[in-house]
Structures are given as structure tokens and as C-alpha cells.
Amino acid sequence: MVLTPGPNMMYLVSRSVTQGRRAGLISLSGVVLGFLVYLVAATLGLSAVFLAVPRLYTAVKLAGAAYLAWLAWQALRPGGAALFAPGDPRQDTPRRLFAMGLMTNLLNPKIAVMYLSLIPQFTDPSAGPVLLQGLVLGGVQIAVSVAVNLALVLAAGSVAVFLARRPAWLRVQRYAMGTVLGALALTLAADNSRPAARA
């Protein structure tokens, strides 16, 4: 699941390429906080709220789609900056990088749904407090996600060097990534699924 391309992965790679590994690491810390927020909230019952109030789930999902669409527009609009452009003149501050990483993750309600539908299948009431088990299992998922995304952040510098030497590839990348982000936004907005019920 972690290896599946999504908003978090694309955001982290784009920040790492445009502003360097330090920016990628700061962004990753925001993404990690988003995971922790969703894990704790899902464990304490926020996902149950999504189940009880489907419109709230839909609202968060559409907000996530709108955010992806905005990122796609930034890449595709005339004169827009490429997401992976080395030396992007727009250098975001550490606070903004952290906040954008956090928002990228929080605007994906499927993370909460994943914690609700997947983790309970591996808990055993006879093995101890279910709340603690859920937090531990979610912590494992977060650790795996951090490891994979950290590898991507550290490798992004090589991508920046490659693109800096090949301007034509940079233009191709700009339109390709803008199109992918737009497709993700449309897919998320058109998704009619509802939060899965707890098994």
C-alpha cells in the first residue's frame, strides 16, 4: 500500500526536487504528523463519525480532490512552475513546507478509513487492550511509510540533477505530473465509495 503512488508521495518528491532534501524531510515530518493525527483519531472513534455522517466524509474527500486539482493547475497553467523543476524560484519556508505536508495527508480521508477497516482485523481482545494494539499496529504502518518515503526524498536529488541537464525532460515532466495530479483529483472526486464498516 505504501508503494502505491499517491498525493503524499508526489508532494514529497516534488518538494525534495525543487528545494532539496532538507525541504523534503521537513515536508515528510508534516506528513508523519498527519498519519499520527488520523491514527489517534481513528482509534478513538473519528472513523465512526465518518460512518455515521457520510456527508462529512464526502466533504473531506472533496476538499482533498480540490487540493490535488489546485496542485495540478499550478503545474499545467500557462507559465506555471513545474513540480519537479530544480531551482524553483518559489522557496517555501520550513513552516509552510511542514503545513503543506500535513494538509496533503489530512485531506485524504481514506487513511482514516484504512485504519478503521484494516487494523481491527489484526487486533485480538484476548491479547490485551485493543486501543494499545491499534496504536502499535498503526505505528508499524507509519514506520513502513516513513522508510519508503524517506528513501524517495533522499533519491530525489539525483532526479533534480538529471532534469537540470535536460530541459526538454523537465517540460515533459511538468505536463505529465500535472496530468497525473489532475487525474487523481478527478478519481477522488468521482469516487462514490463510503467508509467501510468495521468487521
N, C-alpha and C. Protein backbone atom coordinates (compact mmCIF):
# COMPACT_ATOMS: atom_id res chain seq x y z
N MET A 1 0.82 -1.21 0.00
CA MET A 1 0.00 0.00 0.00
C MET A 1 0.86 1.26 0.00
N VAL A 2 1.96 1.23 0.74
CA VAL A 2 2.82 2.41 0.83
C VAL A 2 3.46 2.72 -0.52
N LEU A 3 3.75 1.68 -1.31
CA LEU A 3 4.41 1.88 -2.59
C LEU A 3 3.47 2.39 -3.67
N THR A 4 2.16 2.40 -3.39
CA THR A 4 1.20 2.91 -4.36
C THR A 4 1.32 4.43 -4.45
N PRO A 5 1.58 4.96 -5.67
CA PRO A 5 1.71 6.42 -5.80
C PRO A 5 0.45 7.15 -5.35
N GLY A 6 0.63 8.21 -4.64
CA GLY A 6 -0.50 9.00 -4.16
C GLY A 6 -0.07 10.42 -3.87
N PRO A 7 -0.97 11.22 -3.32
CA PRO A 7 -0.66 12.64 -3.05
C PRO A 7 0.57 12.84 -2.16
N ASN A 8 0.70 12.02 -1.10
CA ASN A 8 1.85 12.20 -0.21
C ASN A 8 3.16 12.00 -0.95
N MET A 9 3.24 10.89 -1.69
CA MET A 9 4.47 10.56 -2.40
C MET A 9 4.82 11.66 -3.41
N MET A 10 3.82 12.11 -4.17
CA MET A 10 4.09 13.12 -5.19
C MET A 10 4.51 14.44 -4.56
N TYR A 11 3.86 14.81 -3.48
CA TYR A 11 4.23 16.07 -2.83
C TYR A 11 5.65 16.00 -2.29
N LEU A 12 6.00 14.90 -1.62
CA LEU A 12 7.33 14.79 -1.03
C LEU A 12 8.43 14.82 -2.10
N VAL A 13 8.21 14.10 -3.18
CA VAL A 13 9.22 14.09 -4.24
C VAL A 13 9.34 15.47 -4.87
N SER A 14 8.21 16.13 -5.11
CA SER A 14 8.26 17.45 -5.73
C SER A 14 8.99 18.45 -4.86
N ARG A 15 8.74 18.44 -3.56
CA ARG A 15 9.43 19.38 -2.68
C ARG A 15 10.91 19.06 -2.59
N SER A 16 11.25 17.78 -2.59
CA SER A 16 12.66 17.38 -2.48
C SER A 16 13.44 17.81 -3.72
N VAL A 17 12.80 17.71 -4.89
CA VAL A 17 13.48 18.07 -6.12
C VAL A 17 13.59 19.59 -6.25
N THR A 18 12.52 20.31 -5.91
CA THR A 18 12.53 21.76 -6.11
C THR A 18 13.35 22.50 -5.07
N GLN A 19 13.38 22.01 -3.83
CA GLN A 19 14.06 22.74 -2.76
C GLN A 19 15.14 21.95 -2.05
N GLY A 20 15.33 20.70 -2.42
CA GLY A 20 16.38 19.91 -1.81
C GLY A 20 15.88 18.94 -0.75
N ARG A 21 16.80 18.12 -0.29
CA ARG A 21 16.44 17.05 0.64
C ARG A 21 15.93 17.59 1.98
N ARG A 22 16.51 18.69 2.44
CA ARG A 22 16.06 19.26 3.72
C ARG A 22 14.58 19.61 3.65
N ALA A 23 14.17 20.23 2.54
CA ALA A 23 12.75 20.58 2.38
C ALA A 23 11.90 19.32 2.33
N GLY A 24 12.42 18.27 1.68
CA GLY A 24 11.68 17.01 1.63
C GLY A 24 11.51 16.40 3.01
N LEU A 25 12.56 16.49 3.82
CA LEU A 25 12.48 15.93 5.17
C LEU A 25 11.51 16.71 6.05
N ILE A 26 11.51 18.04 5.90
CA ILE A 26 10.55 18.86 6.66
C ILE A 26 9.13 18.52 6.24
N SER A 27 8.92 18.38 4.92
CA SER A 27 7.59 18.02 4.41
C SER A 27 7.18 16.65 4.93
N LEU A 28 8.14 15.71 4.96
CA LEU A 28 7.85 14.37 5.45
C LEU A 28 7.41 14.41 6.91
N SER A 29 8.00 15.29 7.71
CA SER A 29 7.60 15.39 9.11
C SER A 29 6.15 15.83 9.23
N GLY A 30 5.70 16.72 8.32
CA GLY A 30 4.29 17.11 8.31
C GLY A 30 3.39 15.96 7.93
N VAL A 31 3.82 15.17 6.94
CA VAL A 31 3.04 14.00 6.53
C VAL A 31 2.93 13.01 7.68
N VAL A 32 4.03 12.81 8.40
CA VAL A 32 4.02 11.87 9.53
C VAL A 32 3.05 12.35 10.61
N LEU A 33 3.04 13.65 10.89
CA LEU A 33 2.09 14.16 11.88
C LEU A 33 0.66 13.89 11.41
N GLY A 34 0.41 14.03 10.11
CA GLY A 34 -0.92 13.72 9.58
C GLY A 34 -1.30 12.27 9.83
N PHE A 35 -0.35 11.36 9.63
CA PHE A 35 -0.60 9.95 9.92
C PHE A 35 -0.96 9.76 11.39
N LEU A 36 -0.18 10.40 12.26
CA LEU A 36 -0.43 10.25 13.70
C LEU A 36 -1.79 10.80 14.10
N VAL A 37 -2.15 11.95 13.52
CA VAL A 37 -3.46 12.53 13.81
C VAL A 37 -4.57 11.57 13.41
N TYR A 38 -4.48 11.02 12.20
CA TYR A 38 -5.51 10.10 11.73
C TYR A 38 -5.51 8.80 12.53
N LEU A 39 -4.33 8.31 12.90
CA LEU A 39 -4.28 7.07 13.67
C LEU A 39 -4.97 7.24 15.02
N VAL A 40 -4.61 8.31 15.73
CA VAL A 40 -5.21 8.54 17.05
C VAL A 40 -6.71 8.80 16.92
N ALA A 41 -7.07 9.64 15.94
CA ALA A 41 -8.49 9.96 15.75
C ALA A 41 -9.30 8.73 15.37
N ALA A 42 -8.75 7.91 14.47
CA ALA A 42 -9.46 6.71 14.04
C ALA A 42 -9.58 5.73 15.20
N THR A 43 -8.50 5.60 15.98
CA THR A 43 -8.53 4.69 17.11
C THR A 43 -9.53 5.14 18.16
N LEU A 44 -9.67 6.46 18.31
CA LEU A 44 -10.59 6.99 19.31
C LEU A 44 -12.02 7.17 18.79
N GLY A 45 -12.22 6.94 17.50
CA GLY A 45 -13.60 6.95 17.01
C GLY A 45 -13.96 7.92 15.92
N LEU A 46 -13.00 8.70 15.36
CA LEU A 46 -13.36 9.63 14.30
C LEU A 46 -13.92 8.90 13.08
N SER A 47 -13.35 7.73 12.79
CA SER A 47 -13.84 6.98 11.64
C SER A 47 -15.29 6.57 11.83
N ALA A 48 -15.68 6.33 13.08
CA ALA A 48 -17.08 6.02 13.36
C ALA A 48 -17.97 7.21 13.00
N VAL A 49 -17.43 8.43 13.19
CA VAL A 49 -18.17 9.62 12.80
C VAL A 49 -18.36 9.66 11.29
N PHE A 50 -17.30 9.30 10.54
CA PHE A 50 -17.41 9.22 9.09
C PHE A 50 -18.50 8.23 8.68
N LEU A 51 -18.59 7.13 9.42
CA LEU A 51 -19.61 6.13 9.13
C LEU A 51 -21.00 6.67 9.43
N ALA A 52 -21.12 7.40 10.54
CA ALA A 52 -22.43 7.91 10.95
C ALA A 52 -22.85 9.12 10.13
N VAL A 53 -21.88 9.91 9.68
CA VAL A 53 -22.19 11.13 8.92
C VAL A 53 -21.46 11.07 7.58
N PRO A 54 -22.02 10.34 6.61
CA PRO A 54 -21.34 10.18 5.31
C PRO A 54 -21.04 11.51 4.63
N ARG A 55 -21.86 12.53 4.88
CA ARG A 55 -21.62 13.83 4.23
C ARG A 55 -20.31 14.46 4.70
N LEU A 56 -19.94 14.21 5.94
CA LEU A 56 -18.68 14.72 6.43
C LEU A 56 -17.52 14.06 5.70
N TYR A 57 -17.61 12.75 5.52
CA TYR A 57 -16.60 12.01 4.77
C TYR A 57 -16.50 12.56 3.35
N THR A 58 -17.64 12.79 2.73
CA THR A 58 -17.68 13.32 1.36
C THR A 58 -17.05 14.70 1.30
N ALA A 59 -17.33 15.54 2.31
CA ALA A 59 -16.78 16.90 2.33
C ALA A 59 -15.26 16.86 2.42
N VAL A 60 -14.72 16.01 3.27
CA VAL A 60 -13.27 15.92 3.42
C VAL A 60 -12.66 15.37 2.13
N LYS A 61 -13.33 14.39 1.53
CA LYS A 61 -12.84 13.80 0.29
C LYS A 61 -12.80 14.85 -0.83
N LEU A 62 -13.84 15.66 -0.94
CA LEU A 62 -13.89 16.68 -1.98
C LEU A 62 -12.85 17.78 -1.73
N ALA A 63 -12.60 18.06 -0.45
CA ALA A 63 -11.55 19.04 -0.13
C ALA A 63 -10.19 18.51 -0.60
N GLY A 64 -9.96 17.23 -0.40
CA GLY A 64 -8.72 16.62 -0.88
C GLY A 64 -8.62 16.67 -2.39
N ALA A 65 -9.73 16.41 -3.07
CA ALA A 65 -9.74 16.46 -4.54
C ALA A 65 -9.46 17.88 -5.02
N ALA A 66 -10.04 18.87 -4.34
CA ALA A 66 -9.81 20.26 -4.72
C ALA A 66 -8.34 20.65 -4.54
N TYR A 67 -7.73 20.16 -3.47
CA TYR A 67 -6.32 20.46 -3.23
C TYR A 67 -5.44 19.87 -4.33
N LEU A 68 -5.73 18.61 -4.73
CA LEU A 68 -4.97 17.99 -5.81
C LEU A 68 -5.18 18.74 -7.12
N ALA A 69 -6.41 19.17 -7.36
CA ALA A 69 -6.71 19.91 -8.58
C ALA A 69 -5.93 21.23 -8.61
N TRP A 70 -5.81 21.88 -7.45
CA TRP A 70 -5.04 23.12 -7.37
C TRP A 70 -3.57 22.87 -7.70
N LEU A 71 -3.00 21.77 -7.17
CA LEU A 71 -1.61 21.44 -7.48
C LEU A 71 -1.44 21.16 -8.97
N ALA A 72 -2.43 20.46 -9.56
CA ALA A 72 -2.37 20.17 -10.99
C ALA A 72 -2.41 21.47 -11.79
N TRP A 73 -3.26 22.41 -11.40
CA TRP A 73 -3.37 23.68 -12.10
C TRP A 73 -2.07 24.46 -12.01
N GLN A 74 -1.41 24.41 -10.86
CA GLN A 74 -0.13 25.10 -10.71
C GLN A 74 0.91 24.58 -11.70
N ALA A 75 0.81 23.30 -12.05
CA ALA A 75 1.76 22.71 -12.99
C ALA A 75 1.37 22.96 -14.44
N LEU A 76 0.07 22.94 -14.73
CA LEU A 76 -0.39 22.98 -16.11
C LEU A 76 -0.72 24.37 -16.63
N ARG A 77 -0.98 25.33 -15.76
CA ARG A 77 -1.37 26.66 -16.22
C ARG A 77 -0.24 27.30 -17.01
N PRO A 78 -0.57 28.17 -17.96
CA PRO A 78 0.47 28.87 -18.73
C PRO A 78 1.43 29.61 -17.81
N GLY A 79 2.69 29.34 -17.98
CA GLY A 79 3.69 30.00 -17.15
C GLY A 79 3.83 29.40 -15.77
N GLY A 80 3.12 28.29 -15.51
CA GLY A 80 3.18 27.66 -14.20
C GLY A 80 4.52 26.99 -13.96
N ALA A 81 4.87 26.87 -12.70
CA ALA A 81 6.13 26.22 -12.35
C ALA A 81 5.98 24.71 -12.39
N ALA A 82 7.00 24.04 -12.85
CA ALA A 82 6.99 22.58 -12.84
C ALA A 82 7.17 22.07 -11.42
N LEU A 83 6.43 21.03 -11.10
CA LEU A 83 6.52 20.48 -9.75
C LEU A 83 7.92 19.97 -9.43
N PHE A 84 8.64 19.52 -10.44
CA PHE A 84 9.94 18.92 -10.23
C PHE A 84 11.07 19.80 -10.77
N ALA A 85 10.81 21.08 -10.93
CA ALA A 85 11.82 21.96 -11.52
C ALA A 85 12.94 22.26 -10.53
N PRO A 86 14.18 21.88 -10.85
CA PRO A 86 15.28 22.23 -9.96
C PRO A 86 15.42 23.75 -9.89
N GLY A 87 15.73 24.24 -8.71
CA GLY A 87 15.92 25.67 -8.57
C GLY A 87 14.65 26.48 -8.73
N ASP A 88 13.52 25.89 -8.38
CA ASP A 88 12.25 26.60 -8.44
C ASP A 88 12.40 27.90 -7.64
N PRO A 89 12.10 29.06 -8.23
CA PRO A 89 12.30 30.31 -7.51
C PRO A 89 11.40 30.47 -6.28
N ARG A 90 10.29 29.74 -6.23
CA ARG A 90 9.39 29.85 -5.08
C ARG A 90 9.90 28.92 -3.98
N GLN A 91 10.65 29.49 -3.05
CA GLN A 91 11.22 28.70 -1.97
C GLN A 91 10.32 28.81 -0.74
N ASP A 92 9.62 27.75 -0.44
CA ASP A 92 8.71 27.77 0.71
C ASP A 92 9.50 27.71 2.00
N THR A 93 8.98 28.37 3.03
CA THR A 93 9.62 28.38 4.34
C THR A 93 9.41 27.01 5.01
N PRO A 94 10.26 26.67 5.99
CA PRO A 94 10.07 25.40 6.69
C PRO A 94 8.67 25.25 7.27
N ARG A 95 8.12 26.32 7.82
CA ARG A 95 6.77 26.25 8.39
C ARG A 95 5.74 25.89 7.32
N ARG A 96 5.88 26.53 6.15
CA ARG A 96 4.94 26.25 5.06
C ARG A 96 5.12 24.83 4.53
N LEU A 97 6.35 24.38 4.41
CA LEU A 97 6.61 23.01 3.96
C LEU A 97 5.96 22.00 4.90
N PHE A 98 6.13 22.23 6.20
CA PHE A 98 5.54 21.33 7.19
C PHE A 98 4.02 21.34 7.08
N ALA A 99 3.44 22.55 6.99
CA ALA A 99 1.99 22.67 6.92
C ALA A 99 1.43 22.03 5.65
N MET A 100 2.13 22.19 4.54
CA MET A 100 1.65 21.60 3.29
C MET A 100 1.72 20.07 3.34
N GLY A 101 2.78 19.55 3.96
CA GLY A 101 2.87 18.10 4.13
C GLY A 101 1.74 17.57 5.00
N LEU A 102 1.45 18.31 6.07
CA LEU A 102 0.37 17.92 6.97
C LEU A 102 -0.97 17.96 6.26
N MET A 103 -1.24 19.05 5.53
CA MET A 103 -2.52 19.18 4.85
C MET A 103 -2.69 18.15 3.73
N THR A 104 -1.61 17.85 3.02
CA THR A 104 -1.68 16.84 1.97
C THR A 104 -2.17 15.52 2.55
N ASN A 105 -1.71 15.20 3.74
CA ASN A 105 -2.10 13.93 4.37
C ASN A 105 -3.50 14.02 4.99
N LEU A 106 -3.78 15.12 5.66
CA LEU A 106 -5.08 15.23 6.33
C LEU A 106 -6.25 15.31 5.36
N LEU A 107 -6.00 15.78 4.13
CA LEU A 107 -7.08 15.88 3.16
C LEU A 107 -7.29 14.58 2.38
N ASN A 108 -6.83 13.49 2.95
CA ASN A 108 -7.06 12.17 2.37
C ASN A 108 -7.77 11.31 3.41
N PRO A 109 -9.11 11.35 3.45
CA PRO A 109 -9.84 10.62 4.49
C PRO A 109 -9.71 9.12 4.38
N LYS A 110 -9.23 8.62 3.27
CA LYS A 110 -9.10 7.16 3.12
C LYS A 110 -8.06 6.59 4.08
N ILE A 111 -7.17 7.44 4.58
CA ILE A 111 -6.21 6.97 5.58
C ILE A 111 -6.96 6.57 6.84
N ALA A 112 -7.89 7.41 7.26
CA ALA A 112 -8.69 7.08 8.44
C ALA A 112 -9.50 5.82 8.20
N VAL A 113 -10.04 5.69 7.00
CA VAL A 113 -10.83 4.50 6.67
C VAL A 113 -9.95 3.26 6.69
N MET A 114 -8.71 3.40 6.20
CA MET A 114 -7.79 2.27 6.23
C MET A 114 -7.54 1.82 7.66
N TYR A 115 -7.33 2.78 8.55
CA TYR A 115 -7.09 2.42 9.95
C TYR A 115 -8.32 1.75 10.55
N LEU A 116 -9.49 2.18 10.13
CA LEU A 116 -10.73 1.61 10.67
C LEU A 116 -10.99 0.21 10.14
N SER A 117 -10.76 0.00 8.85
CA SER A 117 -11.15 -1.27 8.24
C SER A 117 -10.04 -2.32 8.27
N LEU A 118 -8.78 -1.90 8.28
CA LEU A 118 -7.69 -2.87 8.19
C LEU A 118 -7.14 -3.28 9.55
N ILE A 119 -6.79 -2.30 10.37
CA ILE A 119 -6.12 -2.61 11.63
C ILE A 119 -6.98 -3.48 12.56
N PRO A 120 -8.30 -3.26 12.67
CA PRO A 120 -9.09 -4.10 13.58
C PRO A 120 -9.03 -5.59 13.25
N GLN A 121 -8.74 -5.93 12.00
CA GLN A 121 -8.66 -7.33 11.63
C GLN A 121 -7.47 -8.03 12.28
N PHE A 122 -6.50 -7.26 12.76
CA PHE A 122 -5.31 -7.84 13.36
C PHE A 122 -5.26 -7.67 14.88
N THR A 123 -6.33 -7.14 15.45
CA THR A 123 -6.37 -7.00 16.90
C THR A 123 -7.03 -8.22 17.53
N ASP A 124 -6.62 -8.53 18.73
CA ASP A 124 -7.16 -9.68 19.46
C ASP A 124 -7.49 -9.23 20.88
N PRO A 125 -8.80 -9.13 21.20
CA PRO A 125 -9.20 -8.66 22.53
C PRO A 125 -8.58 -9.45 23.67
N SER A 126 -8.27 -10.73 23.42
CA SER A 126 -7.69 -11.55 24.48
C SER A 126 -6.21 -11.29 24.68
N ALA A 127 -5.60 -10.50 23.78
CA ALA A 127 -4.16 -10.26 23.86
C ALA A 127 -3.82 -8.98 24.60
N GLY A 128 -4.85 -8.26 25.08
CA GLY A 128 -4.58 -7.02 25.80
C GLY A 128 -5.47 -5.89 25.31
N PRO A 129 -5.23 -4.67 25.78
CA PRO A 129 -6.07 -3.53 25.39
C PRO A 129 -6.09 -3.34 23.87
N VAL A 130 -7.29 -3.33 23.31
CA VAL A 130 -7.44 -3.17 21.86
C VAL A 130 -6.93 -1.80 21.41
N LEU A 131 -7.15 -0.77 22.23
CA LEU A 131 -6.67 0.57 21.89
C LEU A 131 -5.16 0.58 21.70
N LEU A 132 -4.45 -0.06 22.64
CA LEU A 132 -2.99 -0.10 22.54
C LEU A 132 -2.55 -0.90 21.33
N GLN A 133 -3.23 -2.02 21.06
CA GLN A 133 -2.89 -2.82 19.89
C GLN A 133 -3.06 -2.01 18.60
N GLY A 134 -4.16 -1.25 18.54
CA GLY A 134 -4.41 -0.44 17.35
C GLY A 134 -3.32 0.60 17.14
N LEU A 135 -2.89 1.23 18.23
CA LEU A 135 -1.84 2.23 18.13
C LEU A 135 -0.51 1.61 17.71
N VAL A 136 -0.21 0.43 18.23
CA VAL A 136 1.04 -0.25 17.86
C VAL A 136 1.02 -0.66 16.39
N LEU A 137 -0.08 -1.26 15.96
CA LEU A 137 -0.18 -1.68 14.56
C LEU A 137 -0.13 -0.47 13.62
N GLY A 138 -0.82 0.60 14.00
CA GLY A 138 -0.75 1.81 13.19
C GLY A 138 0.65 2.39 13.17
N GLY A 139 1.35 2.27 14.29
CA GLY A 139 2.73 2.73 14.35
C GLY A 139 3.63 1.97 13.39
N VAL A 140 3.37 0.68 13.24
CA VAL A 140 4.14 -0.12 12.29
C VAL A 140 3.90 0.38 10.87
N GLN A 141 2.63 0.64 10.54
CA GLN A 141 2.31 1.16 9.21
C GLN A 141 2.99 2.49 8.96
N ILE A 142 3.00 3.36 9.96
CA ILE A 142 3.64 4.66 9.82
C ILE A 142 5.14 4.48 9.63
N ALA A 143 5.76 3.56 10.38
CA ALA A 143 7.20 3.32 10.25
C ALA A 143 7.56 2.86 8.84
N VAL A 144 6.75 1.97 8.28
CA VAL A 144 6.99 1.49 6.92
C VAL A 144 6.85 2.65 5.93
N SER A 145 5.81 3.45 6.11
CA SER A 145 5.59 4.60 5.23
C SER A 145 6.74 5.59 5.30
N VAL A 146 7.23 5.86 6.51
CA VAL A 146 8.35 6.78 6.67
C VAL A 146 9.58 6.24 5.96
N ALA A 147 9.85 4.94 6.11
CA ALA A 147 11.03 4.34 5.48
C ALA A 147 10.98 4.49 3.95
N VAL A 148 9.83 4.18 3.37
CA VAL A 148 9.70 4.26 1.91
C VAL A 148 9.80 5.70 1.43
N ASN A 149 9.07 6.59 2.08
CA ASN A 149 9.09 7.99 1.65
C ASN A 149 10.43 8.66 1.91
N LEU A 150 11.13 8.24 2.97
CA LEU A 150 12.46 8.78 3.23
C LEU A 150 13.41 8.40 2.11
N ALA A 151 13.31 7.16 1.63
CA ALA A 151 14.15 6.73 0.51
C ALA A 151 13.87 7.56 -0.74
N LEU A 152 12.59 7.87 -0.96
CA LEU A 152 12.23 8.71 -2.12
C LEU A 152 12.78 10.12 -1.98
N VAL A 153 12.68 10.68 -0.78
CA VAL A 153 13.19 12.03 -0.54
C VAL A 153 14.70 12.07 -0.78
N LEU A 154 15.43 11.08 -0.29
CA LEU A 154 16.88 11.07 -0.42
C LEU A 154 17.32 10.84 -1.87
N ALA A 155 16.49 10.12 -2.64
CA ALA A 155 16.84 9.85 -4.04
C ALA A 155 16.44 10.99 -4.96
N ALA A 156 15.62 11.90 -4.48
CA ALA A 156 15.08 12.97 -5.34
C ALA A 156 16.18 13.91 -5.84
N GLY A 157 17.26 14.04 -5.10
CA GLY A 157 18.34 14.91 -5.54
C GLY A 157 18.92 14.48 -6.87
N SER A 158 19.02 13.17 -7.06
CA SER A 158 19.54 12.66 -8.33
C SER A 158 18.60 13.02 -9.48
N VAL A 159 17.30 13.00 -9.21
CA VAL A 159 16.32 13.38 -10.22
C VAL A 159 16.50 14.85 -10.59
N ALA A 160 16.76 15.68 -9.60
CA ALA A 160 16.96 17.11 -9.85
C ALA A 160 18.14 17.35 -10.77
N VAL A 161 19.24 16.63 -10.53
CA VAL A 161 20.44 16.79 -11.37
C VAL A 161 20.13 16.36 -12.80
N PHE A 162 19.42 15.24 -12.93
CA PHE A 162 19.05 14.73 -14.26
C PHE A 162 18.22 15.76 -15.02
N LEU A 163 17.22 16.33 -14.35
CA LEU A 163 16.33 17.29 -15.00
C LEU A 163 17.05 18.60 -15.32
N ALA A 164 17.96 19.01 -14.45
CA ALA A 164 18.69 20.27 -14.68
C ALA A 164 19.50 20.20 -15.96
N ARG A 165 19.97 19.01 -16.31
CA ARG A 165 20.78 18.84 -17.50
C ARG A 165 19.95 18.57 -18.75
N ARG A 166 18.65 18.38 -18.58
CA ARG A 166 17.78 18.04 -19.71
C ARG A 166 16.49 18.85 -19.65
N PRO A 167 16.52 20.10 -20.11
CA PRO A 167 15.33 20.97 -20.04
C PRO A 167 14.10 20.38 -20.73
N ALA A 168 14.30 19.64 -21.81
CA ALA A 168 13.15 19.05 -22.52
C ALA A 168 12.42 18.05 -21.62
N TRP A 169 13.18 17.27 -20.85
CA TRP A 169 12.57 16.33 -19.93
C TRP A 169 11.80 17.06 -18.85
N LEU A 170 12.29 18.22 -18.45
CA LEU A 170 11.60 18.99 -17.43
C LEU A 170 10.21 19.42 -17.90
N ARG A 171 10.12 19.83 -19.18
CA ARG A 171 8.82 20.21 -19.73
C ARG A 171 7.88 19.01 -19.79
N VAL A 172 8.42 17.87 -20.23
CA VAL A 172 7.61 16.64 -20.28
C VAL A 172 7.11 16.29 -18.89
N GLN A 173 8.01 16.38 -17.91
CA GLN A 173 7.65 16.06 -16.53
C GLN A 173 6.55 16.97 -16.02
N ARG A 174 6.66 18.25 -16.35
CA ARG A 174 5.67 19.22 -15.87
C ARG A 174 4.27 18.83 -16.31
N TYR A 175 4.11 18.53 -17.59
CA TYR A 175 2.78 18.18 -18.09
C TYR A 175 2.34 16.79 -17.62
N ALA A 176 3.30 15.87 -17.53
CA ALA A 176 2.95 14.52 -17.08
C ALA A 176 2.47 14.53 -15.63
N MET A 177 3.21 15.22 -14.76
CA MET A 177 2.83 15.22 -13.35
C MET A 177 1.57 16.04 -13.12
N GLY A 178 1.41 17.14 -13.88
CA GLY A 178 0.18 17.91 -13.76
C GLY A 178 -1.02 17.08 -14.17
N THR A 179 -0.85 16.29 -15.22
CA THR A 179 -1.94 15.42 -15.69
C THR A 179 -2.25 14.34 -14.67
N VAL A 180 -1.21 13.75 -14.08
CA VAL A 180 -1.42 12.70 -13.08
C VAL A 180 -2.13 13.27 -11.85
N LEU A 181 -1.71 14.44 -11.39
CA LEU A 181 -2.38 15.06 -10.24
C LEU A 181 -3.83 15.38 -10.55
N GLY A 182 -4.08 15.87 -11.77
CA GLY A 182 -5.46 16.14 -12.18
C GLY A 182 -6.30 14.88 -12.22
N ALA A 183 -5.70 13.79 -12.72
CA ALA A 183 -6.42 12.51 -12.77
C ALA A 183 -6.73 12.00 -11.36
N LEU A 184 -5.77 12.17 -10.45
CA LEU A 184 -6.01 11.77 -9.06
C LEU A 184 -7.15 12.59 -8.45
N ALA A 185 -7.17 13.88 -8.75
CA ALA A 185 -8.24 14.74 -8.23
C ALA A 185 -9.60 14.29 -8.75
N LEU A 186 -9.68 14.00 -10.06
CA LEU A 186 -10.94 13.55 -10.64
C LEU A 186 -11.37 12.20 -10.08
N THR A 187 -10.41 11.30 -9.92
CA THR A 187 -10.73 9.98 -9.38
C THR A 187 -11.27 10.08 -7.96
N LEU A 188 -10.61 10.91 -7.15
CA LEU A 188 -11.06 11.08 -5.77
C LEU A 188 -12.43 11.73 -5.70
N ALA A 189 -12.65 12.74 -6.56
CA ALA A 189 -13.94 13.44 -6.56
C ALA A 189 -15.08 12.54 -7.06
N ALA A 190 -14.77 11.65 -8.00
CA ALA A 190 -15.81 10.78 -8.58
C ALA A 190 -16.03 9.50 -7.79
N ASP A 191 -15.19 9.25 -6.80
CA ASP A 191 -15.31 8.03 -6.01
C ASP A 191 -16.58 8.08 -5.16
N ASN A 192 -17.46 7.13 -5.39
CA ASN A 192 -18.74 7.09 -4.66
C ASN A 192 -18.70 6.14 -3.47
N SER A 193 -17.53 5.57 -3.17
CA SER A 193 -17.46 4.62 -2.06
C SER A 193 -17.70 5.32 -0.74
N ARG A 194 -18.14 4.55 0.22
CA ARG A 194 -18.38 5.08 1.57
C ARG A 194 -17.41 4.41 2.51
N PRO A 195 -17.19 4.98 3.67
CA PRO A 195 -16.30 4.34 4.64
C PRO A 195 -16.74 2.91 4.91
N ALA A 196 -15.78 2.02 4.95
CA ALA A 196 -16.10 0.61 5.20
C ALA A 196 -16.51 0.40 6.65
N ALA A 197 -17.49 -0.44 6.85
CA ALA A 197 -17.93 -0.74 8.22
C ALA A 197 -16.91 -1.60 8.92
N ARG A 198 -16.80 -1.44 10.22
CA ARG A 198 -15.88 -2.26 10.99
C ARG A 198 -16.33 -3.71 10.95
N ALA A 199 -15.35 -4.61 10.66
CA ALA A 199 -15.67 -6.03 10.57
C ALA A 199 -15.92 -6.61 11.96
